[in-house]
Structure formats: structure tokens, C-alpha cells
Amino acid sequence: MLNAWSNGRLKAVNHRVMMSGDKDRYSIAAFAIPVEGTIIKAPKELIDEQHPQLYKDFDFMDFFLYAFSDPAKHIDSGEQLHAFASLSPPISN
């Protein structure tokens, strides 16, 4: 959501946890999830001629449900937002 909200300027980092040693370790995940009905949209201050709007405005819950749907299962998680809300066609490799 950070990528869509910032009009492509900010991206969430990929991370991986690696453990070593023989001690038990515990971790806890914390997520920020908007309330139902929240529309994700880039602020107008982040959209101009040099930085056109990259993603259509969308309801977070619609994207969340899409991300776990059958059609999205076969899309890399980094590309799901592009497939769901992009205003431009996908870049072919």
C-alpha cells in the first residue's frame, strides 16, 4: 500500500529472517491494516507532469481480497498491486 499511496516513491522492503545457534527465539509480526472502506490514493502533491499517477484509487479491502484470490495466486506478490490497480500496462521482460 505504501507504493500506491506514495505514487511509487516509497516501497516496502523485502526481508528474510535467518537464525543460527541453538537457542529458542521468538518473534512477533505487527501489521498496519486500514479500517474497512479505506480508499488508497496518492496525495495530489505527489502527482504532477513529471510524476503521473501510477495507480488508480482503490479500496484496500478489495485489494486484500484480490491478493488471496485464485487469479492472484500465480502472480508474484511484488506484482499483485500492479496487476490490480496499475494505470499503465505491465512491462514485458
PDB file of N, CA and C in Angstrom:
ATOM      1  N   MET A   1       0.807  -1.181   0.000  1.00  0.00           N
ATOM      2  CA  MET A   1       0.000   0.000   0.000  1.00  0.00           C
ATOM      3  C   MET A   1       0.858   1.256   0.000  1.00  0.00           C
ATOM      4  N   LEU A   2       2.031   1.155   0.607  1.00  0.00           N
ATOM      5  CA  LEU A   2       2.940   2.296   0.653  1.00  0.00           C
ATOM      6  C   LEU A   2       3.328   2.746  -0.747  1.00  0.00           C
ATOM      7  N   ASN A   3       3.544   1.808  -1.638  1.00  0.00           N
ATOM      8  CA  ASN A   3       3.906   2.124  -3.011  1.00  0.00           C
ATOM      9  C   ASN A   3       2.780   2.884  -3.710  1.00  0.00           C
ATOM     10  N   ALA A   4       1.542   2.425  -3.574  1.00  0.00           N
ATOM     11  CA  ALA A   4       0.404   3.100  -4.211  1.00  0.00           C
ATOM     12  C   ALA A   4       0.161   4.458  -3.571  1.00  0.00           C
ATOM     13  N   TRP A   5       0.196   4.528  -2.241  1.00  0.00           N
ATOM     14  CA  TRP A   5      -0.068   5.785  -1.555  1.00  0.00           C
ATOM     15  C   TRP A   5       0.984   6.841  -1.895  1.00  0.00           C
ATOM     16  N   SER A   6       2.237   6.437  -2.057  1.00  0.00           N
ATOM     17  CA  SER A   6       3.320   7.396  -2.337  1.00  0.00           C
ATOM     18  C   SER A   6       3.541   7.607  -3.821  1.00  0.00           C
ATOM     19  N   ASN A   7       2.662   7.069  -4.664  1.00  0.00           N
ATOM     20  CA  ASN A   7       2.782   7.180  -6.116  1.00  0.00           C
ATOM     21  C   ASN A   7       4.133   6.655  -6.605  1.00  0.00           C
ATOM     22  N   GLY A   8       4.549   5.526  -6.039  1.00  0.00           N
ATOM     23  CA  GLY A   8       5.765   4.854  -6.482  1.00  0.00           C
ATOM     24  C   GLY A   8       7.040   5.359  -5.857  1.00  0.00           C
ATOM     25  N   ARG A   9       6.970   6.352  -4.999  1.00  0.00           N
ATOM     26  CA  ARG A   9       8.187   6.914  -4.408  1.00  0.00           C
ATOM     27  C   ARG A   9       8.744   6.069  -3.262  1.00  0.00           C
ATOM     28  N   LEU A  10       7.879   5.382  -2.523  1.00  0.00           N
ATOM     29  CA  LEU A  10       8.317   4.556  -1.393  1.00  0.00           C
ATOM     30  C   LEU A  10       7.889   3.120  -1.628  1.00  0.00           C
ATOM     31  N   LYS A  11       8.765   2.204  -1.283  1.00  0.00           N
ATOM     32  CA  LYS A  11       8.466   0.786  -1.450  1.00  0.00           C
ATOM     33  C   LYS A  11       8.773   0.058  -0.148  1.00  0.00           C
ATOM     34  N   ALA A  12       7.945  -0.883   0.192  1.00  0.00           N
ATOM     35  CA  ALA A  12       8.218  -1.717   1.359  1.00  0.00           C
ATOM     36  C   ALA A  12       9.404  -2.622   1.014  1.00  0.00           C
ATOM     37  N   VAL A  13      10.267  -2.840   1.960  1.00  0.00           N
ATOM     38  CA  VAL A  13      11.452  -3.656   1.704  1.00  0.00           C
ATOM     39  C   VAL A  13      11.132  -5.135   1.846  1.00  0.00           C
ATOM     40  N   ASN A  14      11.787  -5.943   1.043  1.00  0.00           N
ATOM     41  CA  ASN A  14      11.724  -7.387   1.214  1.00  0.00           C
ATOM     42  C   ASN A  14      12.686  -7.745   2.335  1.00  0.00           C
ATOM     43  N   HIS A  15      12.326  -8.695   3.139  1.00  0.00           N
ATOM     44  CA  HIS A  15      13.206  -9.085   4.230  1.00  0.00           C
ATOM     45  C   HIS A  15      13.135 -10.592   4.437  1.00  0.00           C
ATOM     46  N   ARG A  16      14.165 -11.074   5.073  1.00  0.00           N
ATOM     47  CA  ARG A  16      14.245 -12.509   5.365  1.00  0.00           C
ATOM     48  C   ARG A  16      14.896 -12.672   6.729  1.00  0.00           C
ATOM     49  N   VAL A  17      14.340 -13.536   7.521  1.00  0.00           N
ATOM     50  CA  VAL A  17      14.891 -13.812   8.843  1.00  0.00           C
ATOM     51  C   VAL A  17      15.741 -15.064   8.745  1.00  0.00           C
ATOM     52  N   MET A  18      16.969 -14.961   9.212  1.00  0.00           N
ATOM     53  CA  MET A  18      17.870 -16.115   9.237  1.00  0.00           C
ATOM     54  C   MET A  18      18.287 -16.324  10.687  1.00  0.00           C
ATOM     55  N   MET A  19      18.218 -17.555  11.121  1.00  0.00           N
ATOM     56  CA  MET A  19      18.567 -17.860  12.505  1.00  0.00           C
ATOM     57  C   MET A  19      19.770 -18.786  12.556  1.00  0.00           C
ATOM     58  N   SER A  20      20.546 -18.611  13.586  1.00  0.00           N
ATOM     59  CA  SER A  20      21.665 -19.518  13.824  1.00  0.00           C
ATOM     60  C   SER A  20      21.751 -19.769  15.328  1.00  0.00           C
ATOM     61  N   GLY A  21      22.524 -20.743  15.697  1.00  0.00           N
ATOM     62  CA  GLY A  21      22.655 -21.061  17.116  1.00  0.00           C
ATOM     63  C   GLY A  21      21.626 -22.080  17.548  1.00  0.00           C
ATOM     64  N   ASP A  22      21.653 -22.398  18.837  1.00  0.00           N
ATOM     65  CA  ASP A  22      20.750 -23.428  19.332  1.00  0.00           C
ATOM     66  C   ASP A  22      19.787 -22.918  20.399  1.00  0.00           C
ATOM     67  N   LYS A  23      19.668 -21.607  20.546  1.00  0.00           N
ATOM     68  CA  LYS A  23      18.713 -21.037  21.492  1.00  0.00           C
ATOM     69  C   LYS A  23      17.367 -20.839  20.812  1.00  0.00           C
ATOM     70  N   ASP A  24      16.295 -21.035  21.573  1.00  0.00           N
ATOM     71  CA  ASP A  24      14.962 -20.726  21.048  1.00  0.00           C
ATOM     72  C   ASP A  24      14.842 -19.214  20.882  1.00  0.00           C
ATOM     73  N   ARG A  25      14.224 -18.817  19.793  1.00  0.00           N
ATOM     74  CA  ARG A  25      13.968 -17.399  19.560  1.00  0.00           C
ATOM     75  C   ARG A  25      12.502 -17.243  19.200  1.00  0.00           C
ATOM     76  N   TYR A  26      11.945 -16.148  19.621  1.00  0.00           N
ATOM     77  CA  TYR A  26      10.541 -15.875  19.351  1.00  0.00           C
ATOM     78  C   TYR A  26      10.433 -14.537  18.648  1.00  0.00           C
ATOM     79  N   SER A  27       9.498 -14.442  17.741  1.00  0.00           N
ATOM     80  CA  SER A  27       9.259 -13.169  17.075  1.00  0.00           C
ATOM     81  C   SER A  27       7.764 -12.936  16.989  1.00  0.00           C
ATOM     82  N   ILE A  28       7.426 -11.704  16.788  1.00  0.00           N
ATOM     83  CA  ILE A  28       6.015 -11.339  16.664  1.00  0.00           C
ATOM     84  C   ILE A  28       5.883 -10.409  15.461  1.00  0.00           C
ATOM     85  N   ALA A  29       4.873 -10.641  14.680  1.00  0.00           N
ATOM     86  CA  ALA A  29       4.654  -9.807  13.496  1.00  0.00           C
ATOM     87  C   ALA A  29       3.640  -8.720  13.841  1.00  0.00           C
ATOM     88  N   ALA A  30       3.878  -7.541  13.339  1.00  0.00           N
ATOM     89  CA  ALA A  30       2.945  -6.429  13.540  1.00  0.00           C
ATOM     90  C   ALA A  30       2.627  -5.839  12.167  1.00  0.00           C
ATOM     91  N   PHE A  31       1.360  -5.666  11.898  1.00  0.00           N
ATOM     92  CA  PHE A  31       0.932  -5.141  10.612  1.00  0.00           C
ATOM     93  C   PHE A  31       0.016  -3.950  10.825  1.00  0.00           C
ATOM     94  N   ALA A  32       0.051  -3.040   9.895  1.00  0.00           N
ATOM     95  CA  ALA A  32      -0.890  -1.917   9.906  1.00  0.00           C
ATOM     96  C   ALA A  32      -1.886  -2.171   8.785  1.00  0.00           C
ATOM     97  N   ILE A  33      -3.127  -2.397   9.153  1.00  0.00           N
ATOM     98  CA  ILE A  33      -4.167  -2.661   8.163  1.00  0.00           C
ATOM     99  C   ILE A  33      -5.236  -1.591   8.323  1.00  0.00           C
ATOM    100  N   PRO A  34      -5.537  -0.872   7.241  1.00  0.00           N
ATOM    101  CA  PRO A  34      -6.556   0.189   7.332  1.00  0.00           C
ATOM    102  C   PRO A  34      -7.932  -0.378   7.661  1.00  0.00           C
ATOM    103  N   VAL A  35      -8.783   0.459   8.217  1.00  0.00           N
ATOM    104  CA  VAL A  35     -10.151   0.043   8.504  1.00  0.00           C
ATOM    105  C   VAL A  35     -10.894  -0.204   7.202  1.00  0.00           C
ATOM    106  N   GLU A  36     -11.906  -1.052   7.272  1.00  0.00           N
ATOM    107  CA  GLU A  36     -12.697  -1.390   6.092  1.00  0.00           C
ATOM    108  C   GLU A  36     -13.274  -0.115   5.475  1.00  0.00           C
ATOM    109  N   GLY A  37     -13.202  -0.031   4.159  1.00  0.00           N
ATOM    110  CA  GLY A  37     -13.710   1.129   3.441  1.00  0.00           C
ATOM    111  C   GLY A  37     -12.651   2.175   3.141  1.00  0.00           C
ATOM    112  N   THR A  38     -11.411   1.953   3.609  1.00  0.00           N
ATOM    113  CA  THR A  38     -10.335   2.907   3.353  1.00  0.00           C
ATOM    114  C   THR A  38      -9.955   2.886   1.882  1.00  0.00           C
ATOM    115  N   ILE A  39      -9.933   4.053   1.272  1.00  0.00           N
ATOM    116  CA  ILE A  39      -9.524   4.191  -0.125  1.00  0.00           C
ATOM    117  C   ILE A  39      -8.050   4.594  -0.145  1.00  0.00           C
ATOM    118  N   ILE A  40      -7.255   3.826  -0.862  1.00  0.00           N
ATOM    119  CA  ILE A  40      -5.826   4.121  -1.008  1.00  0.00           C
ATOM    120  C   ILE A  40      -5.668   4.997  -2.246  1.00  0.00           C
ATOM    121  N   LYS A  41      -5.099   6.170  -2.061  1.00  0.00           N
ATOM    122  CA  LYS A  41      -4.880   7.081  -3.181  1.00  0.00           C
ATOM    123  C   LYS A  41      -3.679   7.957  -2.887  1.00  0.00           C
ATOM    124  N   ALA A  42      -2.956   8.283  -3.930  1.00  0.00           N
ATOM    125  CA  ALA A  42      -1.790   9.147  -3.770  1.00  0.00           C
ATOM    126  C   ALA A  42      -2.262  10.584  -3.540  1.00  0.00           C
ATOM    127  N   PRO A  43      -1.650  11.293  -2.593  1.00  0.00           N
ATOM    128  CA  PRO A  43      -1.998  12.698  -2.387  1.00  0.00           C
ATOM    129  C   PRO A  43      -1.691  13.511  -3.639  1.00  0.00           C
ATOM    130  N   LYS A  44      -2.497  14.517  -3.911  1.00  0.00           N
ATOM    131  CA  LYS A  44      -2.321  15.314  -5.130  1.00  0.00           C
ATOM    132  C   LYS A  44      -0.938  15.970  -5.190  1.00  0.00           C
ATOM    133  N   GLU A  45      -0.322  16.192  -4.034  1.00  0.00           N
ATOM    134  CA  GLU A  45       1.018  16.804  -4.002  1.00  0.00           C
ATOM    135  C   GLU A  45       2.085  15.877  -4.591  1.00  0.00           C
ATOM    136  N   LEU A  46       1.793  14.581  -4.697  1.00  0.00           N
ATOM    137  CA  LEU A  46       2.765  13.628  -5.234  1.00  0.00           C
ATOM    138  C   LEU A  46       2.507  13.286  -6.700  1.00  0.00           C
ATOM    139  N   ILE A  47       1.557  13.974  -7.316  1.00  0.00           N
ATOM    140  CA  ILE A  47       1.226  13.728  -8.723  1.00  0.00           C
ATOM    141  C   ILE A  47       1.433  15.021  -9.494  1.00  0.00           C
ATOM    142  N   ASP A  48       2.243  14.951 -10.551  1.00  0.00           N
ATOM    143  CA  ASP A  48       2.455  16.099 -11.431  1.00  0.00           C
ATOM    144  C   ASP A  48       2.882  15.582 -12.805  1.00  0.00           C
ATOM    145  N   GLU A  49       3.284  16.485 -13.696  1.00  0.00           N
ATOM    146  CA  GLU A  49       3.660  16.066 -15.051  1.00  0.00           C
ATOM    147  C   GLU A  49       4.871  15.136 -15.048  1.00  0.00           C
ATOM    148  N   GLN A  50       5.809  15.354 -14.156  1.00  0.00           N
ATOM    149  CA  GLN A  50       6.995  14.507 -14.085  1.00  0.00           C
ATOM    150  C   GLN A  50       6.731  13.206 -13.337  1.00  0.00           C
ATOM    151  N   HIS A  51       5.680  13.182 -12.538  1.00  0.00           N
ATOM    152  CA  HIS A  51       5.314  12.003 -11.755  1.00  0.00           C
ATOM    153  C   HIS A  51       3.818  11.741 -11.929  1.00  0.00           C
ATOM    154  N   PRO A  52       3.419  11.207 -13.090  1.00  0.00           N
ATOM    155  CA  PRO A  52       1.986  10.941 -13.301  1.00  0.00           C
ATOM    156  C   PRO A  52       1.475   9.882 -12.336  1.00  0.00           C
ATOM    157  N   GLN A  53       0.167   9.887 -12.115  1.00  0.00           N
ATOM    158  CA  GLN A  53      -0.433   8.912 -11.206  1.00  0.00           C
ATOM    159  C   GLN A  53      -0.203   7.509 -11.749  1.00  0.00           C
ATOM    160  N   LEU A  54       0.349   6.628 -10.895  1.00  0.00           N
ATOM    161  CA  LEU A  54       0.681   5.263 -11.298  1.00  0.00           C
ATOM    162  C   LEU A  54      -0.440   4.267 -11.039  1.00  0.00           C
ATOM    163  N   TYR A  55      -1.226   4.508  -9.984  1.00  0.00           N
ATOM    164  CA  TYR A  55      -2.252   3.555  -9.581  1.00  0.00           C
ATOM    165  C   TYR A  55      -3.592   4.259  -9.439  1.00  0.00           C
ATOM    166  N   LYS A  56      -4.651   3.574  -9.844  1.00  0.00           N
ATOM    167  CA  LYS A  56      -5.988   4.114  -9.629  1.00  0.00           C
ATOM    168  C   LYS A  56      -6.287   4.067  -8.131  1.00  0.00           C
ATOM    169  N   ASP A  57      -7.186   4.928  -7.686  1.00  0.00           N
ATOM    170  CA  ASP A  57      -7.639   4.889  -6.299  1.00  0.00           C
ATOM    171  C   ASP A  57      -8.374   3.566  -6.096  1.00  0.00           C
ATOM    172  N   PHE A  58      -8.158   2.912  -4.954  1.00  0.00           N
ATOM    173  CA  PHE A  58      -8.823   1.634  -4.722  1.00  0.00           C
ATOM    174  C   PHE A  58      -9.115   1.412  -3.254  1.00  0.00           C
ATOM    175  N   ASP A  59     -10.105   0.589  -3.013  1.00  0.00           N
ATOM    176  CA  ASP A  59     -10.488   0.200  -1.663  1.00  0.00           C
ATOM    177  C   ASP A  59      -9.488  -0.853  -1.180  1.00  0.00           C
ATOM    178  N   PHE A  60      -8.880  -0.616  -0.033  1.00  0.00           N
ATOM    179  CA  PHE A  60      -7.874  -1.534   0.479  1.00  0.00           C
ATOM    180  C   PHE A  60      -8.406  -2.954   0.590  1.00  0.00           C
ATOM    181  N   MET A  61      -9.622  -3.118   1.098  1.00  0.00           N
ATOM    182  CA  MET A  61     -10.163  -4.457   1.311  1.00  0.00           C
ATOM    183  C   MET A  61     -10.344  -5.188  -0.020  1.00  0.00           C
ATOM    184  N   ASP A  62     -10.701  -4.466  -1.082  1.00  0.00           N
ATOM    185  CA  ASP A  62     -10.809  -5.100  -2.401  1.00  0.00           C
ATOM    186  C   ASP A  62      -9.460  -5.665  -2.831  1.00  0.00           C
ATOM    187  N   PHE A  63      -8.396  -4.893  -2.611  1.00  0.00           N
ATOM    188  CA  PHE A  63      -7.061  -5.382  -2.964  1.00  0.00           C
ATOM    189  C   PHE A  63      -6.665  -6.554  -2.069  1.00  0.00           C
ATOM    190  N   PHE A  64      -6.926  -6.442  -0.788  1.00  0.00           N
ATOM    191  CA  PHE A  64      -6.584  -7.504   0.162  1.00  0.00           C
ATOM    192  C   PHE A  64      -7.234  -8.826  -0.259  1.00  0.00           C
ATOM    193  N   LEU A  65      -8.518  -8.780  -0.592  1.00  0.00           N
ATOM    194  CA  LEU A  65      -9.226  -9.983  -1.021  1.00  0.00           C
ATOM    195  C   LEU A  65      -8.678 -10.495  -2.352  1.00  0.00           C
ATOM    196  N   TYR A  66      -8.331  -9.580  -3.260  1.00  0.00           N
ATOM    197  CA  TYR A  66      -7.741  -9.972  -4.538  1.00  0.00           C
ATOM    198  C   TYR A  66      -6.410 -10.695  -4.315  1.00  0.00           C
ATOM    199  N   ALA A  67      -5.584 -10.175  -3.416  1.00  0.00           N
ATOM    200  CA  ALA A  67      -4.247 -10.725  -3.192  1.00  0.00           C
ATOM    201  C   ALA A  67      -4.290 -12.193  -2.762  1.00  0.00           C
ATOM    202  N   PHE A  68      -5.398 -12.626  -2.154  1.00  0.00           N
ATOM    203  CA  PHE A  68      -5.524 -14.017  -1.721  1.00  0.00           C
ATOM    204  C   PHE A  68      -6.485 -14.824  -2.593  1.00  0.00           C
ATOM    205  N   SER A  69      -6.840 -14.277  -3.752  1.00  0.00           N
ATOM    206  CA  SER A  69      -7.766 -14.964  -4.655  1.00  0.00           C
ATOM    207  C   SER A  69      -7.023 -15.926  -5.583  1.00  0.00           C
ATOM    208  N   ASP A  70      -7.765 -16.809  -6.238  1.00  0.00           N
ATOM    209  CA  ASP A  70      -7.169 -17.748  -7.197  1.00  0.00           C
ATOM    210  C   ASP A  70      -6.414 -17.035  -8.324  1.00  0.00           C
ATOM    211  N   PRO A  71      -6.990 -15.986  -8.952  1.00  0.00           N
ATOM    212  CA  PRO A  71      -6.247 -15.328 -10.035  1.00  0.00           C
ATOM    213  C   PRO A  71      -4.896 -14.744  -9.585  1.00  0.00           C
ATOM    214  N   ALA A  72      -4.828 -14.266  -8.340  1.00  0.00           N
ATOM    215  CA  ALA A  72      -3.599 -13.631  -7.856  1.00  0.00           C
ATOM    216  C   ALA A  72      -2.570 -14.635  -7.358  1.00  0.00           C
ATOM    217  N   LYS A  73      -2.982 -15.881  -7.125  1.00  0.00           N
ATOM    218  CA  LYS A  73      -2.060 -16.899  -6.608  1.00  0.00           C
ATOM    219  C   LYS A  73      -0.845 -17.082  -7.495  1.00  0.00           C
ATOM    220  N   HIS A  74      -1.018 -16.915  -8.772  1.00  0.00           N
ATOM    221  CA  HIS A  74       0.049 -17.177  -9.737  1.00  0.00           C
ATOM    222  C   HIS A  74       0.847 -15.929 -10.092  1.00  0.00           C
ATOM    223  N   ILE A  75       0.584 -14.840  -9.388  1.00  0.00           N
ATOM    224  CA  ILE A  75       1.299 -13.587  -9.626  1.00  0.00           C
ATOM    225  C   ILE A  75       2.248 -13.351  -8.457  1.00  0.00           C
ATOM    226  N   ASP A  76       3.495 -13.025  -8.762  1.00  0.00           N
ATOM    227  CA  ASP A  76       4.465 -12.692  -7.730  1.00  0.00           C
ATOM    228  C   ASP A  76       3.882 -11.597  -6.837  1.00  0.00           C
ATOM    229  N   SER A  77       4.052 -11.719  -5.530  1.00  0.00           N
ATOM    230  CA  SER A  77       3.448 -10.749  -4.611  1.00  0.00           C
ATOM    231  C   SER A  77       3.886  -9.315  -4.906  1.00  0.00           C
ATOM    232  N   GLY A  78       5.078  -9.132  -5.433  1.00  0.00           N
ATOM    233  CA  GLY A  78       5.540  -7.794  -5.790  1.00  0.00           C
ATOM    234  C   GLY A  78       4.825  -7.224  -6.995  1.00  0.00           C
ATOM    235  N   GLU A  79       4.164  -8.077  -7.772  1.00  0.00           N
ATOM    236  CA  GLU A  79       3.454  -7.625  -8.974  1.00  0.00           C
ATOM    237  C   GLU A  79       1.940  -7.579  -8.781  1.00  0.00           C
ATOM    238  N   GLN A  80       1.444  -8.031  -7.651  1.00  0.00           N
ATOM    239  CA  GLN A  80      -0.011  -8.065  -7.453  1.00  0.00           C
ATOM    240  C   GLN A  80      -0.636  -6.682  -7.487  1.00  0.00           C
ATOM    241  N   LEU A  81       0.000  -5.681  -6.868  1.00  0.00           N
ATOM    242  CA  LEU A  81      -0.534  -4.324  -6.889  1.00  0.00           C
ATOM    243  C   LEU A  81      -0.612  -3.814  -8.318  1.00  0.00           C
ATOM    244  N   HIS A  82       0.437  -4.058  -9.095  1.00  0.00           N
ATOM    245  CA  HIS A  82       0.445  -3.614 -10.490  1.00  0.00           C
ATOM    246  C   HIS A  82      -0.699  -4.267 -11.262  1.00  0.00           C
ATOM    247  N   ALA A  83      -0.902  -5.564 -11.056  1.00  0.00           N
ATOM    248  CA  ALA A  83      -1.972  -6.277 -11.754  1.00  0.00           C
ATOM    249  C   ALA A  83      -3.344  -5.775 -11.323  1.00  0.00           C
ATOM    250  N   PHE A  84      -3.484  -5.356 -10.081  1.00  0.00           N
ATOM    251  CA  PHE A  84      -4.776  -4.952  -9.546  1.00  0.00           C
ATOM    252  C   PHE A  84      -5.129  -3.498  -9.855  1.00  0.00           C
ATOM    253  N   ALA A  85      -4.184  -2.567  -9.713  1.00  0.00           N
ATOM    254  CA  ALA A  85      -4.529  -1.149  -9.718  1.00  0.00           C
ATOM    255  C   ALA A  85      -3.707  -0.268 -10.644  1.00  0.00           C
ATOM    256  N   SER A  86      -2.814  -0.835 -11.426  1.00  0.00           N
ATOM    257  CA  SER A  86      -1.946  -0.006 -12.258  1.00  0.00           C
ATOM    258  C   SER A  86      -2.724   0.716 -13.349  1.00  0.00           C
ATOM    259  N   LEU A  87      -2.300   1.939 -13.634  1.00  0.00           N
ATOM    260  CA  LEU A  87      -2.891   2.704 -14.740  1.00  0.00           C
ATOM    261  C   LEU A  87      -2.129   2.486 -16.032  1.00  0.00           C
ATOM    262  N   SER A  88      -0.984   1.786 -15.965  1.00  0.00           N
ATOM    263  CA  SER A  88      -0.185   1.515 -17.162  1.00  0.00           C
ATOM    264  C   SER A  88      -0.103   0.023 -17.404  1.00  0.00           C
ATOM    265  N   PRO A  89       0.128  -0.369 -18.660  1.00  0.00           N
ATOM    266  CA  PRO A  89       0.243  -1.811 -18.944  1.00  0.00           C
ATOM    267  C   PRO A  89       1.499  -2.392 -18.301  1.00  0.00           C
ATOM    268  N   PRO A  90       1.532  -3.687 -18.042  1.00  0.00           N
ATOM    269  CA  PRO A  90       2.725  -4.302 -17.437  1.00  0.00           C
ATOM    270  C   PRO A  90       3.924  -4.188 -18.363  1.00  0.00           C
ATOM    271  N   ILE A  91       5.083  -4.079 -17.755  1.00  0.00           N
ATOM    272  CA  ILE A  91       6.343  -4.010 -18.508  1.00  0.00           C
ATOM    273  C   ILE A  91       6.727  -5.430 -18.879  1.00  0.00           C
ATOM    274  N   SER A  92       6.918  -5.684 -20.165  1.00  0.00           N
ATOM    275  CA  SER A  92       7.283  -7.044 -20.584  1.00  0.00           C
ATOM    276  C   SER A  92       8.796  -7.219 -20.484  1.00  0.00           C
ATOM    277  N   ASN A  93       9.213  -8.432 -20.124  1.00  0.00           N
ATOM    278  CA  ASN A  93      10.654  -8.719 -19.955  1.00  0.00           C
ATOM    279  C   ASN A  93      11.265  -9.159 -21.241  1.00  0.00           C
TER     280      ASN A  93
END
